[in-house]
Amino acid sequence: MEWNDLTEGAKSILEQTRNLKNDNIQIVEFEVGYVEEATEENPHPVSIQEEDYDSLKRYTKENEYDESYHMARNKNIVKIILLETKKIPDNLSEYPVFRHYRMDRLREEQEKQLEEQSSDQE
């Protein structure tokens, strides 16, 4: 499966896994059903639906770029990891999640922004 065959939501997730720095493993966590709202600062919001998950699942098994991924799903929460040595590390919990695409995380960020805006106005 090639990059062009992926859905837009799947591309958004995979682009985040490619942000490897200092040989650290990057974990991206997302919720199937996640939807961002378009804003002035974010005119191209991320949406991750079931078809994006299916596209990612297929890509992680059949990609033509010799990249190895590990994907784990628990209900609607999915973690995807780009593996450097094609081996899952023993202590995966030691690695922080690099990027979240989860509705509860989005709500927390929005509430924090609202609090900051209201304290700035005082």
N, C-alpha and C. Protein backbone atom coordinates (compact mmCIF):
# COMPACT_ATOMS: atom_id res chain seq x y z
N MET A 1 0.85 -1.18 0.00
CA MET A 1 0.00 0.00 0.00
C MET A 1 0.89 1.24 0.00
N GLU A 2 0.54 2.21 -0.82
CA GLU A 2 1.34 3.42 -0.93
C GLU A 2 0.71 4.57 -0.14
N TRP A 3 1.53 5.59 0.09
CA TRP A 3 1.10 6.78 0.84
C TRP A 3 -0.15 7.39 0.23
N ASN A 4 -0.22 7.47 -1.07
CA ASN A 4 -1.35 8.11 -1.76
C ASN A 4 -2.66 7.36 -1.55
N ASP A 5 -2.58 6.08 -1.17
CA ASP A 5 -3.79 5.28 -0.95
C ASP A 5 -4.43 5.54 0.40
N LEU A 6 -3.73 6.25 1.28
CA LEU A 6 -4.23 6.50 2.64
C LEU A 6 -5.33 7.56 2.66
N THR A 7 -6.19 7.47 3.66
CA THR A 7 -7.19 8.52 3.88
C THR A 7 -6.47 9.72 4.52
N GLU A 8 -7.11 10.89 4.50
CA GLU A 8 -6.48 12.09 5.06
C GLU A 8 -6.22 11.96 6.56
N GLY A 9 -7.17 11.39 7.30
CA GLY A 9 -6.97 11.20 8.73
C GLY A 9 -5.80 10.27 9.02
N ALA A 10 -5.66 9.22 8.22
CA ALA A 10 -4.54 8.29 8.39
C ALA A 10 -3.21 8.99 8.11
N LYS A 11 -3.18 9.83 7.10
CA LYS A 11 -1.95 10.58 6.79
C LYS A 11 -1.57 11.50 7.95
N SER A 12 -2.56 12.15 8.57
CA SER A 12 -2.29 13.04 9.70
C SER A 12 -1.60 12.29 10.83
N ILE A 13 -2.09 11.09 11.12
CA ILE A 13 -1.51 10.28 12.19
C ILE A 13 -0.10 9.84 11.83
N LEU A 14 0.09 9.32 10.62
CA LEU A 14 1.40 8.81 10.24
C LEU A 14 2.45 9.91 10.15
N GLU A 15 2.04 11.11 9.75
CA GLU A 15 3.00 12.22 9.70
C GLU A 15 3.56 12.50 11.09
N GLN A 16 2.74 12.32 12.12
CA GLN A 16 3.21 12.55 13.48
C GLN A 16 4.22 11.48 13.91
N THR A 17 4.03 10.23 13.45
CA THR A 17 4.96 9.17 13.85
C THR A 17 6.33 9.38 13.22
N ARG A 18 6.40 10.17 12.18
CA ARG A 18 7.68 10.37 11.49
C ARG A 18 8.53 11.47 12.15
N ASN A 19 8.03 12.07 13.19
CA ASN A 19 8.77 13.13 13.88
C ASN A 19 9.75 12.54 14.89
N LEU A 20 10.59 11.63 14.43
CA LEU A 20 11.56 10.99 15.33
C LEU A 20 12.70 11.96 15.63
N LYS A 21 13.02 12.09 16.91
CA LYS A 21 14.11 12.98 17.31
C LYS A 21 14.99 12.23 18.30
N ASN A 22 16.27 12.35 18.16
CA ASN A 22 17.22 11.74 19.10
C ASN A 22 16.99 10.25 19.29
N ASP A 23 16.59 9.58 18.23
CA ASP A 23 16.36 8.13 18.28
C ASP A 23 15.32 7.70 19.31
N ASN A 24 14.46 8.60 19.73
CA ASN A 24 13.39 8.23 20.65
C ASN A 24 12.21 7.68 19.87
N ILE A 25 11.50 6.77 20.50
CA ILE A 25 10.30 6.23 19.89
C ILE A 25 9.18 7.25 20.06
N GLN A 26 8.42 7.46 19.01
CA GLN A 26 7.30 8.38 19.09
C GLN A 26 6.01 7.57 19.10
N ILE A 27 5.17 7.84 20.07
CA ILE A 27 3.88 7.18 20.17
C ILE A 27 2.80 8.23 19.90
N VAL A 28 1.90 7.91 18.99
CA VAL A 28 0.78 8.78 18.69
C VAL A 28 -0.48 8.04 19.12
N GLU A 29 -1.31 8.71 19.90
CA GLU A 29 -2.53 8.10 20.41
C GLU A 29 -3.71 8.85 19.82
N PHE A 30 -4.69 8.10 19.34
CA PHE A 30 -5.87 8.77 18.77
C PHE A 30 -7.14 8.00 19.10
N GLU A 31 -8.23 8.73 19.01
CA GLU A 31 -9.54 8.16 19.27
C GLU A 31 -10.30 8.10 17.95
N VAL A 32 -10.81 6.91 17.63
CA VAL A 32 -11.64 6.79 16.44
C VAL A 32 -12.91 7.58 16.71
N GLY A 33 -13.21 8.52 15.84
CA GLY A 33 -14.34 9.43 16.04
C GLY A 33 -13.90 10.84 16.40
N TYR A 34 -12.58 11.05 16.52
CA TYR A 34 -12.03 12.36 16.87
C TYR A 34 -12.28 13.35 15.73
N VAL A 35 -12.73 14.53 16.07
CA VAL A 35 -12.97 15.58 15.07
C VAL A 35 -12.57 16.92 15.67
N GLU A 36 -11.70 17.65 14.98
CA GLU A 36 -11.36 19.01 15.38
C GLU A 36 -12.26 19.97 14.61
N GLU A 37 -12.46 21.13 15.19
CA GLU A 37 -13.22 22.16 14.48
C GLU A 37 -12.24 23.04 13.70
N ALA A 38 -12.68 23.51 12.56
CA ALA A 38 -11.85 24.43 11.78
C ALA A 38 -11.85 25.79 12.46
N THR A 39 -10.66 26.38 12.54
CA THR A 39 -10.52 27.72 13.10
C THR A 39 -9.64 28.52 12.16
N GLU A 40 -9.47 29.79 12.49
CA GLU A 40 -8.60 30.63 11.69
C GLU A 40 -7.16 30.12 11.71
N GLU A 41 -6.70 29.71 12.91
CA GLU A 41 -5.34 29.20 13.06
C GLU A 41 -5.21 27.78 12.50
N ASN A 42 -6.31 27.04 12.45
CA ASN A 42 -6.30 25.65 12.02
C ASN A 42 -7.35 25.44 10.93
N PRO A 43 -7.08 25.91 9.70
CA PRO A 43 -8.09 25.81 8.65
C PRO A 43 -8.30 24.39 8.13
N HIS A 44 -7.36 23.47 8.43
CA HIS A 44 -7.48 22.08 7.98
C HIS A 44 -7.53 21.16 9.19
N PRO A 45 -8.71 21.05 9.81
CA PRO A 45 -8.80 20.26 11.03
C PRO A 45 -8.64 18.76 10.78
N VAL A 46 -8.18 18.05 11.80
CA VAL A 46 -7.98 16.61 11.73
C VAL A 46 -9.28 15.92 12.11
N SER A 47 -9.65 14.91 11.33
CA SER A 47 -10.79 14.07 11.63
C SER A 47 -10.33 12.63 11.45
N ILE A 48 -10.57 11.79 12.46
CA ILE A 48 -10.13 10.40 12.40
C ILE A 48 -11.35 9.51 12.62
N GLN A 49 -11.77 8.85 11.56
CA GLN A 49 -12.96 8.01 11.62
C GLN A 49 -12.58 6.55 11.38
N GLU A 50 -13.57 5.68 11.41
CA GLU A 50 -13.32 4.24 11.28
C GLU A 50 -12.58 3.89 9.99
N GLU A 51 -12.92 4.59 8.90
CA GLU A 51 -12.23 4.30 7.62
C GLU A 51 -10.75 4.71 7.69
N ASP A 52 -10.44 5.73 8.49
CA ASP A 52 -9.04 6.13 8.68
C ASP A 52 -8.29 5.05 9.45
N TYR A 53 -8.94 4.50 10.47
CA TYR A 53 -8.34 3.41 11.24
C TYR A 53 -8.08 2.21 10.34
N ASP A 54 -9.09 1.85 9.51
CA ASP A 54 -8.92 0.71 8.60
C ASP A 54 -7.78 0.95 7.63
N SER A 55 -7.67 2.18 7.14
CA SER A 55 -6.60 2.56 6.22
C SER A 55 -5.24 2.43 6.91
N LEU A 56 -5.14 2.92 8.14
CA LEU A 56 -3.89 2.81 8.91
C LEU A 56 -3.52 1.36 9.17
N LYS A 57 -4.51 0.57 9.53
CA LYS A 57 -4.27 -0.85 9.83
C LYS A 57 -3.69 -1.55 8.59
N ARG A 58 -4.27 -1.28 7.45
CA ARG A 58 -3.78 -1.88 6.21
C ARG A 58 -2.38 -1.37 5.87
N TYR A 59 -2.17 -0.07 6.02
CA TYR A 59 -0.87 0.53 5.69
C TYR A 59 0.24 -0.02 6.59
N THR A 60 -0.04 -0.16 7.88
CA THR A 60 1.00 -0.63 8.80
C THR A 60 1.41 -2.07 8.51
N LYS A 61 0.55 -2.81 7.85
CA LYS A 61 0.89 -4.20 7.49
C LYS A 61 1.50 -4.30 6.10
N GLU A 62 1.10 -3.41 5.18
CA GLU A 62 1.44 -3.58 3.77
C GLU A 62 2.23 -2.43 3.17
N ASN A 63 2.81 -1.53 3.98
CA ASN A 63 3.46 -0.37 3.38
C ASN A 63 4.68 -0.80 2.58
N GLU A 64 4.99 -0.03 1.57
CA GLU A 64 6.08 -0.36 0.64
C GLU A 64 7.36 0.38 0.97
N TYR A 65 7.47 0.90 2.19
CA TYR A 65 8.63 1.74 2.52
C TYR A 65 9.53 1.12 3.57
N ASP A 66 9.35 -0.17 3.86
CA ASP A 66 10.16 -0.88 4.86
C ASP A 66 10.08 -0.26 6.24
N GLU A 67 8.97 0.36 6.57
CA GLU A 67 8.77 0.91 7.90
C GLU A 67 7.98 -0.11 8.72
N SER A 68 8.32 -0.23 9.99
CA SER A 68 7.60 -1.16 10.87
C SER A 68 6.82 -0.37 11.90
N TYR A 69 5.59 -0.75 12.08
CA TYR A 69 4.71 -0.09 13.03
C TYR A 69 4.11 -1.12 13.99
N HIS A 70 3.76 -0.63 15.16
CA HIS A 70 2.96 -1.42 16.09
C HIS A 70 1.71 -0.61 16.37
N MET A 71 0.56 -1.25 16.26
CA MET A 71 -0.70 -0.57 16.52
C MET A 71 -1.48 -1.39 17.54
N ALA A 72 -2.03 -0.72 18.54
CA ALA A 72 -2.84 -1.40 19.54
C ALA A 72 -4.13 -0.61 19.73
N ARG A 73 -5.25 -1.33 19.78
CA ARG A 73 -6.54 -0.66 19.95
C ARG A 73 -7.25 -1.22 21.18
N ASN A 74 -7.77 -0.30 21.99
CA ASN A 74 -8.59 -0.66 23.14
C ASN A 74 -9.86 0.17 23.03
N LYS A 75 -10.95 -0.45 22.68
CA LYS A 75 -12.21 0.23 22.38
C LYS A 75 -11.96 1.21 21.23
N ASN A 76 -12.12 2.52 21.47
CA ASN A 76 -11.90 3.49 20.39
C ASN A 76 -10.56 4.20 20.49
N ILE A 77 -9.73 3.84 21.49
CA ILE A 77 -8.43 4.48 21.65
C ILE A 77 -7.36 3.61 21.00
N VAL A 78 -6.59 4.23 20.10
CA VAL A 78 -5.56 3.50 19.35
C VAL A 78 -4.21 4.16 19.57
N LYS A 79 -3.19 3.34 19.76
CA LYS A 79 -1.82 3.84 19.83
C LYS A 79 -1.08 3.28 18.63
N ILE A 80 -0.30 4.13 17.98
CA ILE A 80 0.52 3.69 16.85
C ILE A 80 1.95 4.14 17.10
N ILE A 81 2.88 3.24 16.84
CA ILE A 81 4.29 3.47 17.14
C ILE A 81 5.11 3.10 15.91
N LEU A 82 5.99 3.98 15.49
CA LEU A 82 6.94 3.68 14.43
C LEU A 82 8.14 3.02 15.09
N LEU A 83 8.42 1.79 14.71
CA LEU A 83 9.50 1.03 15.34
C LEU A 83 10.78 1.20 14.54
N GLU A 84 11.85 1.55 15.23
CA GLU A 84 13.12 1.74 14.54
C GLU A 84 13.83 0.43 14.25
N THR A 85 13.76 -0.50 15.17
CA THR A 85 14.49 -1.76 15.00
C THR A 85 13.55 -2.91 14.71
N LYS A 86 12.32 -2.61 14.32
CA LYS A 86 11.29 -3.61 14.04
C LYS A 86 10.98 -4.46 15.26
N LYS A 87 11.29 -3.94 16.44
CA LYS A 87 11.05 -4.67 17.68
C LYS A 87 10.38 -3.72 18.68
N ILE A 88 9.34 -4.20 19.34
CA ILE A 88 8.66 -3.40 20.35
C ILE A 88 9.55 -3.37 21.59
N PRO A 89 9.86 -2.20 22.15
CA PRO A 89 10.70 -2.14 23.34
C PRO A 89 10.04 -2.82 24.54
N ASP A 90 10.87 -3.31 25.45
CA ASP A 90 10.36 -4.01 26.63
C ASP A 90 9.50 -3.11 27.50
N ASN A 91 9.95 -1.90 27.77
CA ASN A 91 9.23 -0.99 28.66
C ASN A 91 8.59 0.14 27.87
N LEU A 92 7.57 -0.19 27.14
CA LEU A 92 6.89 0.81 26.31
C LEU A 92 6.30 1.94 27.15
N SER A 93 5.94 1.66 28.38
CA SER A 93 5.34 2.68 29.25
C SER A 93 6.34 3.78 29.61
N GLU A 94 7.63 3.55 29.40
CA GLU A 94 8.64 4.57 29.68
C GLU A 94 8.64 5.69 28.64
N TYR A 95 8.04 5.44 27.51
CA TYR A 95 8.04 6.41 26.42
C TYR A 95 6.78 7.26 26.48
N PRO A 96 6.93 8.58 26.47
CA PRO A 96 5.73 9.43 26.53
C PRO A 96 4.98 9.40 25.20
N VAL A 97 3.69 9.70 25.28
CA VAL A 97 2.89 9.84 24.07
C VAL A 97 3.25 11.17 23.44
N PHE A 98 3.67 11.15 22.19
CA PHE A 98 4.13 12.34 21.50
C PHE A 98 2.97 13.25 21.13
N ARG A 99 1.90 12.66 20.66
CA ARG A 99 0.78 13.47 20.18
C ARG A 99 -0.52 12.76 20.48
N HIS A 100 -1.51 13.49 20.98
CA HIS A 100 -2.83 12.95 21.30
C HIS A 100 -3.85 13.51 20.32
N TYR A 101 -4.70 12.66 19.83
CA TYR A 101 -5.88 13.08 19.08
C TYR A 101 -7.07 12.40 19.76
N ARG A 102 -7.43 12.94 20.94
CA ARG A 102 -8.51 12.35 21.71
C ARG A 102 -9.49 13.44 22.11
N MET A 103 -10.77 13.08 22.13
CA MET A 103 -11.80 14.07 22.42
C MET A 103 -11.65 14.63 23.83
N ASP A 104 -11.32 13.80 24.83
CA ASP A 104 -11.16 14.32 26.18
C ASP A 104 -9.97 15.28 26.25
N ARG A 105 -8.92 14.99 25.52
CA ARG A 105 -7.74 15.86 25.48
C ARG A 105 -8.10 17.19 24.80
N LEU A 106 -8.88 17.12 23.74
CA LEU A 106 -9.32 18.32 23.03
C LEU A 106 -10.16 19.21 23.94
N ARG A 107 -11.07 18.60 24.71
CA ARG A 107 -11.90 19.36 25.66
C ARG A 107 -11.03 20.03 26.72
N GLU A 108 -10.05 19.30 27.24
CA GLU A 108 -9.14 19.87 28.25
C GLU A 108 -8.39 21.08 27.69
N GLU A 109 -7.89 20.95 26.47
CA GLU A 109 -7.15 22.06 25.84
C GLU A 109 -8.06 23.27 25.62
N GLN A 110 -9.30 23.02 25.18
CA GLN A 110 -10.24 24.11 24.95
C GLN A 110 -10.59 24.82 26.25
N GLU A 111 -10.80 24.05 27.33
CA GLU A 111 -11.10 24.65 28.63
C GLU A 111 -9.93 25.48 29.13
N LYS A 112 -8.73 24.98 28.93
CA LYS A 112 -7.53 25.70 29.36
C LYS A 112 -7.40 27.02 28.60
N GLN A 113 -7.67 26.99 27.29
CA GLN A 113 -7.62 28.21 26.48
C GLN A 113 -8.65 29.22 26.95
N LEU A 114 -9.85 28.75 27.26
CA LEU A 114 -10.90 29.65 27.74
C LEU A 114 -10.51 30.29 29.07
N GLU A 115 -9.92 29.49 29.97
CA GLU A 115 -9.46 30.03 31.26
C GLU A 115 -8.38 31.09 31.05
N GLU A 116 -7.45 30.81 30.15
CA GLU A 116 -6.38 31.76 29.86
C GLU A 116 -6.93 33.05 29.27
N GLN A 117 -7.89 32.92 28.37
CA GLN A 117 -8.49 34.10 27.74
C GLN A 117 -9.24 34.94 28.76
N SER A 118 -9.98 34.28 29.67
CA SER A 118 -10.74 35.03 30.67
C SER A 118 -9.82 35.69 31.69
N SER A 119 -8.69 35.04 32.02
CA SER A 119 -7.74 35.67 32.96
C SER A 119 -6.97 36.80 32.30
N ASP A 120 -6.77 36.73 30.99
CA ASP A 120 -6.12 37.82 30.25
C ASP A 120 -7.00 39.07 30.18
N GLN A 121 -8.31 38.85 30.15
CA GLN A 121 -9.24 39.97 30.03
C GLN A 121 -9.44 40.69 31.36
N GLU A 122 -9.09 40.05 32.46
CA GLU A 122 -9.31 40.67 33.78
C GLU A 122 -8.27 41.69 34.11
